[in-house]
Amino acid sequence: MMQLARDLTADHVFRVIPFAECMATRGDHAAISETSLMLYLDQSCVDMSAIGEENYRDHGWPHDGRSPEHASRAFGQEEFGKIVVYLRPRIERALA
């Protein structure tokens, strides 16, 4: 990902800022972090009633405080803030 970003930016066609959620937050796949982030960004995209044992097996979620049942809009807002803090200086540098 980083090399692709450098290559595209070097051609002066794009300004690419490599980013994955885990670069700014703990990150997870559909567990507390991503679920909370989506609850904050667009709650209509989240169906909390769809969470079941099959998801635990498929995603490898632990049965602890990091599971998606513990997700909240407030935690999503915190996660979003971390992403903004991470991306802001990178965007400013890219636009300078």
Protein backbone atom coordinates (compact mmCIF):
# COMPACT_ATOMS: atom_id res chain seq x y z
CA MET A 1 0.00 0.00 0.00
CA MET A 2 2.77 2.44 0.90
CA GLN A 3 4.68 1.82 -2.35
CA LEU A 4 1.53 2.27 -4.43
CA ALA A 5 0.87 5.57 -2.67
CA ARG A 6 4.44 6.74 -3.38
CA ASP A 7 4.22 5.67 -7.04
CA LEU A 8 0.91 7.43 -7.66
CA THR A 9 2.02 10.56 -5.84
CA ALA A 10 5.36 10.62 -7.69
CA ASP A 11 3.53 10.71 -11.02
CA HIS A 12 1.78 13.89 -9.82
CA VAL A 13 -1.54 12.41 -10.89
CA PHE A 14 -2.86 11.80 -7.38
CA ARG A 15 -2.04 12.74 -3.85
CA VAL A 16 -2.38 9.48 -1.98
CA ILE A 17 -2.38 9.30 1.79
CA PRO A 18 -2.13 5.66 2.82
CA PHE A 19 -4.59 4.87 5.57
CA ALA A 20 -6.04 1.88 7.32
CA GLU A 21 -8.03 2.13 10.51
CA CYS A 22 -5.35 0.29 12.50
CA MET A 23 -2.88 3.11 11.73
CA ALA A 24 -4.84 5.48 13.98
CA THR A 25 -6.83 3.21 16.29
CA ARG A 26 -6.60 -0.29 17.64
CA GLY A 27 -8.83 -1.33 14.77
CA ASP A 28 -10.76 -4.54 14.39
CA HIS A 29 -13.00 -6.24 11.89
CA ALA A 30 -16.63 -5.55 12.75
CA ALA A 31 -15.94 -5.67 16.50
CA ILE A 32 -16.23 -2.77 18.95
CA SER A 33 -14.07 -0.27 17.04
CA GLU A 34 -15.57 -0.59 13.55
CA THR A 35 -19.10 -1.08 14.87
CA SER A 36 -18.82 2.01 17.09
CA LEU A 37 -17.34 4.02 14.23
CA MET A 38 -20.28 3.10 11.99
CA LEU A 39 -22.78 3.82 14.77
CA TYR A 40 -21.27 7.30 14.96
CA LEU A 41 -21.02 7.90 11.20
CA ASP A 42 -24.29 6.31 10.03
CA GLN A 43 -26.30 4.36 12.57
CA SER A 44 -28.69 3.14 9.84
CA CYS A 45 -25.90 0.92 8.47
CA VAL A 46 -25.61 -1.10 11.70
CA ASP A 47 -27.91 -3.99 12.60
CA MET A 48 -26.94 -4.95 16.13
CA SER A 49 -29.58 -7.72 16.13
CA ALA A 50 -27.57 -9.59 13.48
CA ILE A 51 -24.71 -10.32 15.89
CA GLY A 52 -24.55 -14.00 16.82
CA GLU A 53 -22.28 -16.94 17.58
CA GLU A 54 -21.58 -17.48 13.87
CA ASN A 55 -20.06 -13.99 13.74
CA TYR A 56 -17.85 -14.79 16.72
CA ARG A 57 -16.51 -17.86 14.91
CA ASP A 58 -16.14 -16.12 11.52
CA HIS A 59 -14.43 -12.99 12.87
CA GLY A 60 -12.55 -14.45 15.81
CA TRP A 61 -14.01 -11.95 18.25
CA PRO A 62 -13.21 -12.51 21.89
CA HIS A 63 -16.12 -12.78 24.33
CA ASP A 64 -15.00 -9.69 26.22
CA GLY A 65 -15.34 -5.93 26.18
CA ARG A 66 -13.99 -5.72 22.60
CA SER A 67 -16.95 -7.56 21.08
CA PRO A 68 -19.44 -5.56 18.98
CA GLU A 69 -22.22 -5.74 21.58
CA HIS A 70 -20.21 -3.17 23.55
CA ALA A 71 -20.15 -0.70 20.64
CA SER A 72 -21.53 2.80 21.12
CA ARG A 73 -21.82 6.08 19.25
CA ALA A 74 -19.69 7.72 21.96
CA PHE A 75 -16.84 5.26 21.43
CA GLY A 76 -17.24 5.73 17.67
CA GLN A 77 -16.85 9.47 18.12
CA GLU A 78 -13.61 8.86 20.06
CA GLU A 79 -12.33 6.55 17.31
CA PHE A 80 -13.24 9.11 14.65
CA GLY A 81 -11.35 11.77 16.58
CA LYS A 82 -8.23 9.58 16.59
CA ILE A 83 -8.54 9.14 12.82
CA VAL A 84 -8.84 12.91 12.30
CA VAL A 85 -5.81 13.56 14.52
CA TYR A 86 -3.82 10.99 12.52
CA LEU A 87 -4.90 12.21 9.06
CA ARG A 88 -4.93 15.99 9.55
CA PRO A 89 -1.14 16.61 9.42
CA ARG A 90 -0.80 14.17 6.53
CA ILE A 91 -3.50 15.95 4.54
CA GLU A 92 -1.93 19.33 5.34
CA ARG A 93 1.48 18.08 4.12
CA ALA A 94 -0.07 16.65 0.95
CA LEU A 95 -1.77 19.93 0.14
CA ALA A 96 1.26 22.12 0.96
